[in-house]
Amino acid sequence: SIVTVLLGSTTVTSILAESDTTVIVRANANPLTSWTDAILIAETGATLRVVNGWRYISGGVIDAVTPGSGQAGTRVVVSGSGLFGGGNNVSRVLLNGVDSTIVASNT
């Protein structure tokens, strides 16, 4: 079994699942944004490495939520940077823990 997974020099938070063909992990926080190695270490001591196989993406920043209050149906604009989190869109918006309908998003 896999005992350690490193993304760069950072140990992952947890190994969620593993098989002989797939290992699923939860990445830990890391300020690096350049490509780095992904390393698996098995209980036997065997080490597997993919050179430049992983890149941490900086977290997004919300600069403003306008308006600051409202009721059901209020159009709310959330602005900032990196809001797609490295993806192509926002899949979910919560306002005070309540799912909101995404009307539009800009790249």
PDB file of N, CA and C in Angstrom:
ATOM      1  N   SER A   1       0.839  -1.189   0.000  1.00  0.00           N
ATOM      2  CA  SER A   1       0.000   0.000   0.000  1.00  0.00           C
ATOM      3  C   SER A   1       0.880   1.247   0.000  1.00  0.00           C
ATOM      4  N   ILE A   2       0.284   2.376  -0.350  1.00  0.00           N
ATOM      5  CA  ILE A   2       0.983   3.653  -0.374  1.00  0.00           C
ATOM      6  C   ILE A   2       0.968   4.226   1.036  1.00  0.00           C
ATOM      7  N   VAL A   3       2.137   4.621   1.530  1.00  0.00           N
ATOM      8  CA  VAL A   3       2.219   5.171   2.885  1.00  0.00           C
ATOM      9  C   VAL A   3       2.435   6.678   2.879  1.00  0.00           C
ATOM     10  N   THR A   4       3.025   7.209   1.814  1.00  0.00           N
ATOM     11  CA  THR A   4       3.291   8.645   1.739  1.00  0.00           C
ATOM     12  C   THR A   4       3.101   9.128   0.308  1.00  0.00           C
ATOM     13  N   VAL A   5       2.473  10.280   0.175  1.00  0.00           N
ATOM     14  CA  VAL A   5       2.371  10.951  -1.120  1.00  0.00           C
ATOM     15  C   VAL A   5       2.848  12.379  -0.912  1.00  0.00           C
ATOM     16  N   LEU A   6       3.786  12.786  -1.753  1.00  0.00           N
ATOM     17  CA  LEU A   6       4.307  14.150  -1.713  1.00  0.00           C
ATOM     18  C   LEU A   6       3.944  14.862  -3.004  1.00  0.00           C
ATOM     19  N   LEU A   7       3.471  16.075  -2.879  1.00  0.00           N
ATOM     20  CA  LEU A   7       3.275  16.955  -4.026  1.00  0.00           C
ATOM     21  C   LEU A   7       4.309  18.049  -3.833  1.00  0.00           C
ATOM     22  N   GLY A   8       5.407  17.922  -4.562  1.00  0.00           N
ATOM     23  CA  GLY A   8       6.574  18.751  -4.268  1.00  0.00           C
ATOM     24  C   GLY A   8       7.164  18.243  -2.974  1.00  0.00           C
ATOM     25  N   SER A   9       7.447  19.136  -2.064  1.00  0.00           N
ATOM     26  CA  SER A   9       7.993  18.740  -0.766  1.00  0.00           C
ATOM     27  C   SER A   9       6.914  18.649   0.306  1.00  0.00           C
ATOM     28  N   THR A  10       5.646  18.797  -0.093  1.00  0.00           N
ATOM     29  CA  THR A  10       4.539  18.822   0.857  1.00  0.00           C
ATOM     30  C   THR A  10       3.801  17.492   0.887  1.00  0.00           C
ATOM     31  N   THR A  11       3.681  16.903   2.075  1.00  0.00           N
ATOM     32  CA  THR A  11       2.913  15.675   2.258  1.00  0.00           C
ATOM     33  C   THR A  11       1.432  15.987   2.123  1.00  0.00           C
ATOM     34  N   VAL A  12       0.695  15.149   1.416  1.00  0.00           N
ATOM     35  CA  VAL A  12      -0.743  15.370   1.252  1.00  0.00           C
ATOM     36  C   VAL A  12      -1.446  15.263   2.602  1.00  0.00           C
ATOM     37  N   THR A  13      -2.627  15.860   2.686  1.00  0.00           N
ATOM     38  CA  THR A  13      -3.420  15.817   3.917  1.00  0.00           C
ATOM     39  C   THR A  13      -3.853  14.402   4.234  1.00  0.00           C
ATOM     40  N   SER A  14      -4.308  13.668   3.191  1.00  0.00           N
ATOM     41  CA  SER A  14      -4.737  12.293   3.418  1.00  0.00           C
ATOM     42  C   SER A  14      -4.763  11.524   2.103  1.00  0.00           C
ATOM     43  N   ILE A  15      -4.634  10.216   2.236  1.00  0.00           N
ATOM     44  CA  ILE A  15      -4.816   9.305   1.110  1.00  0.00           C
ATOM     45  C   ILE A  15      -6.246   8.803   1.215  1.00  0.00           C
ATOM     46  N   LEU A  16      -7.095   9.169   0.256  1.00  0.00           N
ATOM     47  CA  LEU A  16      -8.520   8.863   0.337  1.00  0.00           C
ATOM     48  C   LEU A  16      -8.850   7.461  -0.154  1.00  0.00           C
ATOM     49  N   ALA A  17      -8.139   7.029  -1.197  1.00  0.00           N
ATOM     50  CA  ALA A  17      -8.374   5.695  -1.748  1.00  0.00           C
ATOM     51  C   ALA A  17      -7.147   5.292  -2.552  1.00  0.00           C
ATOM     52  N   GLU A  18      -6.952   3.980  -2.683  1.00  0.00           N
ATOM     53  CA  GLU A  18      -5.833   3.502  -3.486  1.00  0.00           C
ATOM     54  C   GLU A  18      -6.129   2.115  -4.020  1.00  0.00           C
ATOM     55  N   SER A  19      -5.549   1.863  -5.184  1.00  0.00           N
ATOM     56  CA  SER A  19      -5.593   0.539  -5.787  1.00  0.00           C
ATOM     57  C   SER A  19      -4.265   0.360  -6.502  1.00  0.00           C
ATOM     58  N   ASP A  20      -4.132  -0.715  -7.224  1.00  0.00           N
ATOM     59  CA  ASP A  20      -2.899  -0.952  -7.955  1.00  0.00           C
ATOM     60  C   ASP A  20      -2.743  -0.012  -9.154  1.00  0.00           C
ATOM     61  N   THR A  21      -3.829   0.673  -9.525  1.00  0.00           N
ATOM     62  CA  THR A  21      -3.777   1.562 -10.695  1.00  0.00           C
ATOM     63  C   THR A  21      -4.108   3.022 -10.394  1.00  0.00           C
ATOM     64  N   THR A  22      -4.653   3.310  -9.215  1.00  0.00           N
ATOM     65  CA  THR A  22      -5.100   4.666  -8.911  1.00  0.00           C
ATOM     66  C   THR A  22      -4.876   4.988  -7.436  1.00  0.00           C
ATOM     67  N   VAL A  23      -4.405   6.199  -7.169  1.00  0.00           N
ATOM     68  CA  VAL A  23      -4.295   6.702  -5.800  1.00  0.00           C
ATOM     69  C   VAL A  23      -4.995   8.057  -5.772  1.00  0.00           C
ATOM     70  N   ILE A  24      -5.930   8.231  -4.849  1.00  0.00           N
ATOM     71  CA  ILE A  24      -6.666   9.484  -4.712  1.00  0.00           C
ATOM     72  C   ILE A  24      -6.275  10.108  -3.385  1.00  0.00           C
ATOM     73  N   VAL A  25      -5.821  11.371  -3.439  1.00  0.00           N
ATOM     74  CA  VAL A  25      -5.355  12.057  -2.233  1.00  0.00           C
ATOM     75  C   VAL A  25      -6.023  13.412  -2.095  1.00  0.00           C
ATOM     76  N   ARG A  26      -5.901  14.011  -0.927  1.00  0.00           N
ATOM     77  CA  ARG A  26      -6.345  15.386  -0.691  1.00  0.00           C
ATOM     78  C   ARG A  26      -5.092  16.229  -0.511  1.00  0.00           C
ATOM     79  N   ALA A  27      -4.904  17.205  -1.400  1.00  0.00           N
ATOM     80  CA  ALA A  27      -3.708  18.057  -1.359  1.00  0.00           C
ATOM     81  C   ALA A  27      -3.733  18.956  -0.133  1.00  0.00           C
ATOM     82  N   ASN A  28      -2.563  19.172   0.431  1.00  0.00           N
ATOM     83  CA  ASN A  28      -2.382  20.093   1.536  1.00  0.00           C
ATOM     84  C   ASN A  28      -2.107  21.477   0.977  1.00  0.00           C
ATOM     85  N   ALA A  29      -2.213  22.510   1.780  1.00  0.00           N
ATOM     86  CA  ALA A  29      -1.919  23.868   1.335  1.00  0.00           C
ATOM     87  C   ALA A  29      -0.431  24.026   1.074  1.00  0.00           C
ATOM     88  N   ASN A  30      -0.107  24.827   0.066  1.00  0.00           N
ATOM     89  CA  ASN A  30       1.282  25.106  -0.258  1.00  0.00           C
ATOM     90  C   ASN A  30       1.318  26.394  -1.070  1.00  0.00           C
ATOM     91  N   PRO A  31       2.221  27.316  -0.748  1.00  0.00           N
ATOM     92  CA  PRO A  31       2.269  28.592  -1.473  1.00  0.00           C
ATOM     93  C   PRO A  31       2.920  28.504  -2.850  1.00  0.00           C
ATOM     94  N   LEU A  32       3.529  27.374  -3.202  1.00  0.00           N
ATOM     95  CA  LEU A  32       4.181  27.244  -4.506  1.00  0.00           C
ATOM     96  C   LEU A  32       3.157  27.280  -5.627  1.00  0.00           C
ATOM     97  N   THR A  33       3.507  27.890  -6.752  1.00  0.00           N
ATOM     98  CA  THR A  33       2.618  27.877  -7.907  1.00  0.00           C
ATOM     99  C   THR A  33       3.334  27.354  -9.148  1.00  0.00           C
ATOM    100  N   SER A  34       4.565  26.887  -8.999  1.00  0.00           N
ATOM    101  CA  SER A  34       5.285  26.331 -10.138  1.00  0.00           C
ATOM    102  C   SER A  34       5.060  24.819 -10.184  1.00  0.00           C
ATOM    103  N   TRP A  35       5.361  24.211 -11.341  1.00  0.00           N
ATOM    104  CA  TRP A  35       5.218  22.763 -11.485  1.00  0.00           C
ATOM    105  C   TRP A  35       6.221  22.065 -10.572  1.00  0.00           C
ATOM    106  N   THR A  36       5.795  20.961  -9.988  1.00  0.00           N
ATOM    107  CA  THR A  36       6.629  20.221  -9.055  1.00  0.00           C
ATOM    108  C   THR A  36       6.377  18.724  -9.230  1.00  0.00           C
ATOM    109  N   ASP A  37       7.206  17.912  -8.617  1.00  0.00           N
ATOM    110  CA  ASP A  37       7.077  16.460  -8.747  1.00  0.00           C
ATOM    111  C   ASP A  37       5.959  15.907  -7.872  1.00  0.00           C
ATOM    112  N   ALA A  38       5.336  14.841  -8.337  1.00  0.00           N
ATOM    113  CA  ALA A  38       4.398  14.061  -7.538  1.00  0.00           C
ATOM    114  C   ALA A  38       5.109  12.749  -7.208  1.00  0.00           C
ATOM    115  N   ILE A  39       5.150  12.407  -5.921  1.00  0.00           N
ATOM    116  CA  ILE A  39       5.934  11.259  -5.468  1.00  0.00           C
ATOM    117  C   ILE A  39       5.055  10.333  -4.617  1.00  0.00           C
ATOM    118  N   LEU A  40       5.060   9.046  -4.952  1.00  0.00           N
ATOM    119  CA  LEU A  40       4.363   8.028  -4.166  1.00  0.00           C
ATOM    120  C   LEU A  40       5.416   7.137  -3.516  1.00  0.00           C
ATOM    121  N   ILE A  41       5.224   6.838  -2.229  1.00  0.00           N
ATOM    122  CA  ILE A  41       6.129   5.927  -1.524  1.00  0.00           C
ATOM    123  C   ILE A  41       5.287   4.785  -0.962  1.00  0.00           C
ATOM    124  N   ALA A  42       5.635   3.563  -1.378  1.00  0.00           N
ATOM    125  CA  ALA A  42       4.901   2.371  -0.944  1.00  0.00           C
ATOM    126  C   ALA A  42       5.472   1.851   0.367  1.00  0.00           C
ATOM    127  N   GLU A  43       4.709   0.988   1.041  1.00  0.00           N
ATOM    128  CA  GLU A  43       5.158   0.397   2.307  1.00  0.00           C
ATOM    129  C   GLU A  43       6.425  -0.431   2.128  1.00  0.00           C
ATOM    130  N   THR A  44       6.691  -0.871   0.919  1.00  0.00           N
ATOM    131  CA  THR A  44       7.904  -1.648   0.634  1.00  0.00           C
ATOM    132  C   THR A  44       9.137  -0.759   0.485  1.00  0.00           C
ATOM    133  N   GLY A  45       8.903   0.567   0.434  1.00  0.00           N
ATOM    134  CA  GLY A  45       9.994   1.500   0.211  1.00  0.00           C
ATOM    135  C   GLY A  45      10.125   1.906  -1.242  1.00  0.00           C
ATOM    136  N   ALA A  46       9.391   1.242  -2.127  1.00  0.00           N
ATOM    137  CA  ALA A  46       9.422   1.612  -3.540  1.00  0.00           C
ATOM    138  C   ALA A  46       8.939   3.049  -3.700  1.00  0.00           C
ATOM    139  N   THR A  47       9.630   3.799  -4.547  1.00  0.00           N
ATOM    140  CA  THR A  47       9.285   5.202  -4.789  1.00  0.00           C
ATOM    141  C   THR A  47       8.980   5.405  -6.262  1.00  0.00           C
ATOM    142  N   LEU A  48       7.852   6.041  -6.529  1.00  0.00           N
ATOM    143  CA  LEU A  48       7.432   6.374  -7.895  1.00  0.00           C
ATOM    144  C   LEU A  48       7.361   7.890  -8.002  1.00  0.00           C
ATOM    145  N   ARG A  49       7.872   8.433  -9.096  1.00  0.00           N
ATOM    146  CA  ARG A  49       7.923   9.889  -9.251  1.00  0.00           C
ATOM    147  C   ARG A  49       7.476  10.287 -10.652  1.00  0.00           C
ATOM    148  N   VAL A  50       6.650  11.323 -10.710  1.00  0.00           N
ATOM    149  CA  VAL A  50       6.319  11.970 -11.975  1.00  0.00           C
ATOM    150  C   VAL A  50       6.937  13.363 -11.899  1.00  0.00           C
ATOM    151  N   VAL A  51       7.919  13.605 -12.755  1.00  0.00           N
ATOM    152  CA  VAL A  51       8.589  14.900 -12.766  1.00  0.00           C
ATOM    153  C   VAL A  51       7.627  15.961 -13.308  1.00  0.00           C
ATOM    154  N   ASN A  52       7.521  17.049 -12.570  1.00  0.00           N
ATOM    155  CA  ASN A  52       6.621  18.158 -12.942  1.00  0.00           C
ATOM    156  C   ASN A  52       5.194  17.676 -13.182  1.00  0.00           C
ATOM    157  N   GLY A  53       4.717  16.793 -12.319  1.00  0.00           N
ATOM    158  CA  GLY A  53       3.388  16.209 -12.480  1.00  0.00           C
ATOM    159  C   GLY A  53       2.279  16.925 -11.737  1.00  0.00           C
ATOM    160  N   TRP A  54       2.607  17.981 -10.998  1.00  0.00           N
ATOM    161  CA  TRP A  54       1.589  18.649 -10.178  1.00  0.00           C
ATOM    162  C   TRP A  54       1.920  20.118 -10.051  1.00  0.00           C
ATOM    163  N   ARG A  55       0.868  20.956 -10.000  1.00  0.00           N
ATOM    164  CA  ARG A  55       1.056  22.389  -9.769  1.00  0.00           C
ATOM    165  C   ARG A  55      -0.036  22.888  -8.846  1.00  0.00           C
ATOM    166  N   TYR A  56       0.366  23.504  -7.747  1.00  0.00           N
ATOM    167  CA  TYR A  56      -0.590  24.161  -6.864  1.00  0.00           C
ATOM    168  C   TYR A  56      -1.089  25.419  -7.548  1.00  0.00           C
ATOM    169  N   ILE A  57      -2.367  25.727  -7.389  1.00  0.00           N
ATOM    170  CA  ILE A  57      -2.963  26.925  -7.958  1.00  0.00           C
ATOM    171  C   ILE A  57      -3.313  27.855  -6.805  1.00  0.00           C
ATOM    172  N   SER A  58      -2.943  29.119  -6.952  1.00  0.00           N
ATOM    173  CA  SER A  58      -3.252  30.100  -5.914  1.00  0.00           C
ATOM    174  C   SER A  58      -4.756  30.179  -5.696  1.00  0.00           C
ATOM    175  N   GLY A  59      -5.145  30.334  -4.455  1.00  0.00           N
ATOM    176  CA  GLY A  59      -6.558  30.475  -4.132  1.00  0.00           C
ATOM    177  C   GLY A  59      -7.105  31.802  -4.622  1.00  0.00           C
ATOM    178  N   GLY A  60      -8.367  31.839  -4.930  1.00  0.00           N
ATOM    179  CA  GLY A  60      -9.013  33.068  -5.377  1.00  0.00           C
ATOM    180  C   GLY A  60      -9.202  34.048  -4.228  1.00  0.00           C
ATOM    181  N   VAL A  61      -9.490  35.277  -4.597  1.00  0.00           N
ATOM    182  CA  VAL A  61      -9.712  36.339  -3.615  1.00  0.00           C
ATOM    183  C   VAL A  61     -11.004  37.063  -3.973  1.00  0.00           C
ATOM    184  N   ILE A  62     -11.909  37.162  -3.020  1.00  0.00           N
ATOM    185  CA  ILE A  62     -13.129  37.947  -3.207  1.00  0.00           C
ATOM    186  C   ILE A  62     -12.842  39.352  -2.711  1.00  0.00           C
ATOM    187  N   ASP A  63     -13.002  40.341  -3.611  1.00  0.00           N
ATOM    188  CA  ASP A  63     -12.768  41.739  -3.254  1.00  0.00           C
ATOM    189  C   ASP A  63     -14.045  42.436  -2.792  1.00  0.00           C
ATOM    190  N   ALA A  64     -15.177  42.045  -3.378  1.00  0.00           N
ATOM    191  CA  ALA A  64     -16.420  42.737  -3.030  1.00  0.00           C
ATOM    192  C   ALA A  64     -17.626  41.851  -3.306  1.00  0.00           C
ATOM    193  N   VAL A  65     -18.665  42.057  -2.510  1.00  0.00           N
ATOM    194  CA  VAL A  65     -19.977  41.443  -2.721  1.00  0.00           C
ATOM    195  C   VAL A  65     -20.975  42.592  -2.690  1.00  0.00           C
ATOM    196  N   THR A  66     -21.670  42.797  -3.818  1.00  0.00           N
ATOM    197  CA  THR A  66     -22.540  43.959  -3.928  1.00  0.00           C
ATOM    198  C   THR A  66     -23.919  43.531  -4.401  1.00  0.00           C
ATOM    199  N   PRO A  67     -24.993  43.922  -3.774  1.00  0.00           N
ATOM    200  CA  PRO A  67     -25.032  44.673  -2.519  1.00  0.00           C
ATOM    201  C   PRO A  67     -24.643  43.785  -1.337  1.00  0.00           C
ATOM    202  N   GLY A  68     -24.453  44.391  -0.210  1.00  0.00           N
ATOM    203  CA  GLY A  68     -24.036  43.659   0.990  1.00  0.00           C
ATOM    204  C   GLY A  68     -25.178  42.950   1.698  1.00  0.00           C
ATOM    205  N   SER A  69     -26.408  43.188   1.266  1.00  0.00           N
ATOM    206  CA  SER A  69     -27.558  42.499   1.864  1.00  0.00           C
ATOM    207  C   SER A  69     -28.688  42.468   0.843  1.00  0.00           C
ATOM    208  N   GLY A  70     -29.676  41.639   1.090  1.00  0.00           N
ATOM    209  CA  GLY A  70     -30.804  41.535   0.183  1.00  0.00           C
ATOM    210  C   GLY A  70     -31.738  40.428   0.603  1.00  0.00           C
ATOM    211  N   GLN A  71     -32.647  40.100  -0.279  1.00  0.00           N
ATOM    212  CA  GLN A  71     -33.625  39.052  -0.012  1.00  0.00           C
ATOM    213  C   GLN A  71     -33.679  38.127  -1.213  1.00  0.00           C
ATOM    214  N   ALA A  72     -34.530  37.118  -1.161  1.00  0.00           N
ATOM    215  CA  ALA A  72     -34.651  36.184  -2.281  1.00  0.00           C
ATOM    216  C   ALA A  72     -34.900  36.956  -3.567  1.00  0.00           C
ATOM    217  N   GLY A  73     -34.147  36.629  -4.613  1.00  0.00           N
ATOM    218  CA  GLY A  73     -34.303  37.281  -5.899  1.00  0.00           C
ATOM    219  C   GLY A  73     -33.362  38.451  -6.128  1.00  0.00           C
ATOM    220  N   THR A  74     -32.656  38.901  -5.078  1.00  0.00           N
ATOM    221  CA  THR A  74     -31.709  40.006  -5.242  1.00  0.00           C
ATOM    222  C   THR A  74     -30.553  39.574  -6.131  1.00  0.00           C
ATOM    223  N   ARG A  75     -30.194  40.407  -7.122  1.00  0.00           N
ATOM    224  CA  ARG A  75     -29.026  40.126  -7.961  1.00  0.00           C
ATOM    225  C   ARG A  75     -27.781  40.556  -7.179  1.00  0.00           C
ATOM    226  N   VAL A  76     -26.864  39.616  -6.985  1.00  0.00           N
ATOM    227  CA  VAL A  76     -25.652  39.853  -6.203  1.00  0.00           C
ATOM    228  C   VAL A  76     -24.448  39.694  -7.122  1.00  0.00           C
ATOM    229  N   VAL A  77     -23.521  40.648  -7.084  1.00  0.00           N
ATOM    230  CA  VAL A  77     -22.293  40.585  -7.874  1.00  0.00           C
ATOM    231  C   VAL A  77     -21.133  40.307  -6.926  1.00  0.00           C
ATOM    232  N   VAL A  78     -20.425  39.206  -7.204  1.00  0.00           N
ATOM    233  CA  VAL A  78     -19.223  38.849  -6.445  1.00  0.00           C
ATOM    234  C   VAL A  78     -18.043  39.131  -7.358  1.00  0.00           C
ATOM    235  N   SER A  79     -17.135  40.002  -6.927  1.00  0.00           N
ATOM    236  CA  SER A  79     -15.988  40.332  -7.773  1.00  0.00           C
ATOM    237  C   SER A  79     -14.690  40.075  -7.030  1.00  0.00           C
ATOM    238  N   GLY A  80     -13.649  39.772  -7.804  1.00  0.00           N
ATOM    239  CA  GLY A  80     -12.355  39.494  -7.218  1.00  0.00           C
ATOM    240  C   GLY A  80     -11.413  38.957  -8.264  1.00  0.00           C
ATOM    241  N   SER A  81     -10.482  38.109  -7.859  1.00  0.00           N
ATOM    242  CA  SER A  81      -9.530  37.522  -8.801  1.00  0.00           C
ATOM    243  C   SER A  81      -9.371  36.035  -8.513  1.00  0.00           C
ATOM    244  N   GLY A  82      -9.122  35.267  -9.564  1.00  0.00           N
ATOM    245  CA  GLY A  82      -8.912  33.829  -9.422  1.00  0.00           C
ATOM    246  C   GLY A  82     -10.138  33.080  -8.947  1.00  0.00           C
ATOM    247  N   LEU A  83     -11.324  33.601  -9.216  1.00  0.00           N
ATOM    248  CA  LEU A  83     -12.554  33.000  -8.691  1.00  0.00           C
ATOM    249  C   LEU A  83     -12.880  31.648  -9.326  1.00  0.00           C
ATOM    250  N   PHE A  84     -12.301  31.345 -10.494  1.00  0.00           N
ATOM    251  CA  PHE A  84     -12.535  30.045 -11.118  1.00  0.00           C
ATOM    252  C   PHE A  84     -11.641  28.972 -10.505  1.00  0.00           C
ATOM    253  N   GLY A  85     -10.714  29.341  -9.653  1.00  0.00           N
ATOM    254  CA  GLY A  85      -9.853  28.363  -8.966  1.00  0.00           C
ATOM    255  C   GLY A  85      -9.088  27.457  -9.909  1.00  0.00           C
ATOM    256  N   GLY A  86      -8.663  27.993 -11.050  1.00  0.00           N
ATOM    257  CA  GLY A  86      -7.927  27.183 -12.010  1.00  0.00           C
ATOM    258  C   GLY A  86      -8.818  26.446 -12.999  1.00  0.00           C
ATOM    259  N   GLY A  87     -10.120  26.526 -12.815  1.00  0.00           N
ATOM    260  CA  GLY A  87     -11.057  25.864 -13.719  1.00  0.00           C
ATOM    261  C   GLY A  87     -11.554  26.805 -14.791  1.00  0.00           C
ATOM    262  N   ASN A  88     -12.683  26.448 -15.405  1.00  0.00           N
ATOM    263  CA  ASN A  88     -13.262  27.244 -16.481  1.00  0.00           C
ATOM    264  C   ASN A  88     -14.520  27.987 -16.079  1.00  0.00           C
ATOM    265  N   ASN A  89     -15.039  27.694 -14.884  1.00  0.00           N
ATOM    266  CA  ASN A  89     -16.246  28.375 -14.426  1.00  0.00           C
ATOM    267  C   ASN A  89     -16.435  28.156 -12.933  1.00  0.00           C
ATOM    268  N   VAL A  90     -17.409  28.830 -12.399  1.00  0.00           N
ATOM    269  CA  VAL A  90     -17.813  28.648 -11.006  1.00  0.00           C
ATOM    270  C   VAL A  90     -18.987  27.681 -11.014  1.00  0.00           C
ATOM    271  N   SER A  91     -18.899  26.618 -10.230  1.00  0.00           N
ATOM    272  CA  SER A  91     -19.962  25.619 -10.251  1.00  0.00           C
ATOM    273  C   SER A  91     -21.001  25.826  -9.148  1.00  0.00           C
ATOM    274  N   ARG A  92     -20.642  26.620  -8.125  1.00  0.00           N
ATOM    275  CA  ARG A  92     -21.570  26.776  -7.007  1.00  0.00           C
ATOM    276  C   ARG A  92     -21.260  28.070  -6.267  1.00  0.00           C
ATOM    277  N   VAL A  93     -22.294  28.793  -5.873  1.00  0.00           N
ATOM    278  CA  VAL A  93     -22.151  29.990  -5.052  1.00  0.00           C
ATOM    279  C   VAL A  93     -23.075  29.847  -3.859  1.00  0.00           C
ATOM    280  N   LEU A  94     -22.523  30.032  -2.668  1.00  0.00           N
ATOM    281  CA  LEU A  94     -23.320  30.002  -1.446  1.00  0.00           C
ATOM    282  C   LEU A  94     -23.343  31.392  -0.837  1.00  0.00           C
ATOM    283  N   LEU A  95     -24.516  31.864  -0.459  1.00  0.00           N
ATOM    284  CA  LEU A  95     -24.648  33.111   0.288  1.00  0.00           C
ATOM    285  C   LEU A  95     -25.212  32.750   1.648  1.00  0.00           C
ATOM    286  N   ASN A  96     -24.403  32.910   2.670  1.00  0.00           N
ATOM    287  CA  ASN A  96     -24.764  32.524   4.034  1.00  0.00           C
ATOM    288  C   ASN A  96     -25.188  31.057   4.094  1.00  0.00           C
ATOM    289  N   GLY A  97     -24.478  30.209   3.327  1.00  0.00           N
ATOM    290  CA  GLY A  97     -24.740  28.779   3.335  1.00  0.00           C
ATOM    291  C   GLY A  97     -25.881  28.321   2.457  1.00  0.00           C
ATOM    292  N   VAL A  98     -26.512  29.248   1.732  1.00  0.00           N
ATOM    293  CA  VAL A  98     -27.646  28.917   0.877  1.00  0.00           C
ATOM    294  C   VAL A  98     -27.203  28.942  -0.586  1.00  0.00           C
ATOM    295  N   ASP A  99     -27.512  27.868  -1.335  1.00  0.00           N
ATOM    296  CA  ASP A  99     -27.182  27.829  -2.755  1.00  0.00           C
ATOM    297  C   ASP A  99     -27.864  28.965  -3.494  1.00  0.00           C
ATOM    298  N   SER A 100     -27.112  29.563  -4.426  1.00  0.00           N
ATOM    299  CA  SER A 100     -27.637  30.642  -5.253  1.00  0.00           C
ATOM    300  C   SER A 100     -27.601  30.216  -6.711  1.00  0.00           C
ATOM    301  N   THR A 101     -28.437  30.828  -7.520  1.00  0.00           N
ATOM    302  CA  THR A 101     -28.430  30.562  -8.957  1.00  0.00           C
ATOM    303  C   THR A 101     -27.371  31.447  -9.605  1.00  0.00           C
ATOM    304  N   ILE A 102     -26.468  30.825 -10.389  1.00  0.00           N
ATOM    305  CA  ILE A 102     -25.457  31.596 -11.097  1.00  0.00           C
ATOM    306  C   ILE A 102     -26.073  32.076 -12.403  1.00  0.00           C
ATOM    307  N   VAL A 103     -26.192  33.391 -12.565  1.00  0.00           N
ATOM    308  CA  VAL A 103     -26.796  33.970 -13.745  1.00  0.00           C
ATOM    309  C   VAL A 103     -25.753  34.160 -14.839  1.00  0.00           C
ATOM    310  N   ALA A 104     -24.555  34.623 -14.467  1.00  0.00           N
ATOM    311  CA  ALA A 104     -23.483  34.851 -15.439  1.00  0.00           C
ATOM    312  C   ALA A 104     -22.153  34.872 -14.714  1.00  0.00           C
ATOM    313  N   SER A 105     -21.079  34.546 -15.448  1.00  0.00           N
ATOM    314  CA  SER A 105     -19.726  34.700 -14.919  1.00  0.00           C
ATOM    315  C   SER A 105     -18.827  35.105 -16.068  1.00  0.00           C
ATOM    316  N   ASN A 106     -17.844  35.923 -15.761  1.00  0.00           N
ATOM    317  CA  ASN A 106     -16.929  36.447 -16.787  1.00  0.00           C
ATOM    318  C   ASN A 106     -15.523  35.910 -16.540  1.00  0.00           C
ATOM    319  N   THR A 107     -14.790  35.694 -17.619  1.00  0.00           N
ATOM    320  CA  THR A 107     -13.402  35.260 -17.489  1.00  0.00           C
ATOM    321  C   THR A 107     -12.475  36.442 -17.420  1.00  0.00           C
TER     322      THR A 107
END
